[in-house]
Amino acid sequence: MSEIKLQRVTTDERNLPAFAEAEQMFARIRERAYDLFRGRGFDHGRALDDWLRAEREFNWPATELVEGEQEFTLSVALPGFEAADIALTATPRALVIQAKAKVERKDEGKQGEAKVHWSELRSTAVCRRVELAKDIDVDKVSATLKNGVLKVVARKVEKPSKPVPVAAAA
């Protein structure tokens, strides 16, 4: 099984290249969602629909985040990608998934026999940043790709379970 490239960052640094790319994607999605809102005549009540449509237009992958007692499990739909195409950055409060693949079409017939009229095969790149509600242990993050679904398991930071004594004020 191929491994997912995983960058573990112990601080919540926002100046990493993965965050810069995610911010650029957010900005493009935000602009497109606003354009959709404006196109409807600034009619309120469908902002989420506009945002989700803009995400889909920018190859924003379908994602599910589940919080368990001891871990977060993130599933991201990445059909057509291989493990080598995917990079994951884990910080104490965020996961950033970047995937890039180039689909090349090769003529299978003899020269001059085949003519492509249109093609939807293209380079594909996705970037998704998921903010987490609690700190994770970046050293205990794992990722697997199976049947086009990236599964990331991020263990929560274990907090001491001992009660903290409180001294009485004098």
Foldseek 3Di string as FASTA:
>chain_A
DDFAAEAEDAAPDCPDPLNVVVVVLVVQLVVQLVVVCVVVVVDDDCSVVSSVVSCVVQVAWDKDWDDDPWKIKIKTQAPPFDSHQWYWYDYFFKIKIKGKDADDDDDPDDPPPDDDPDDPHGIDMYMDMDTHPATFDSVPWGWDADPRMIMIITTGDDDDPDDDDDDDDD
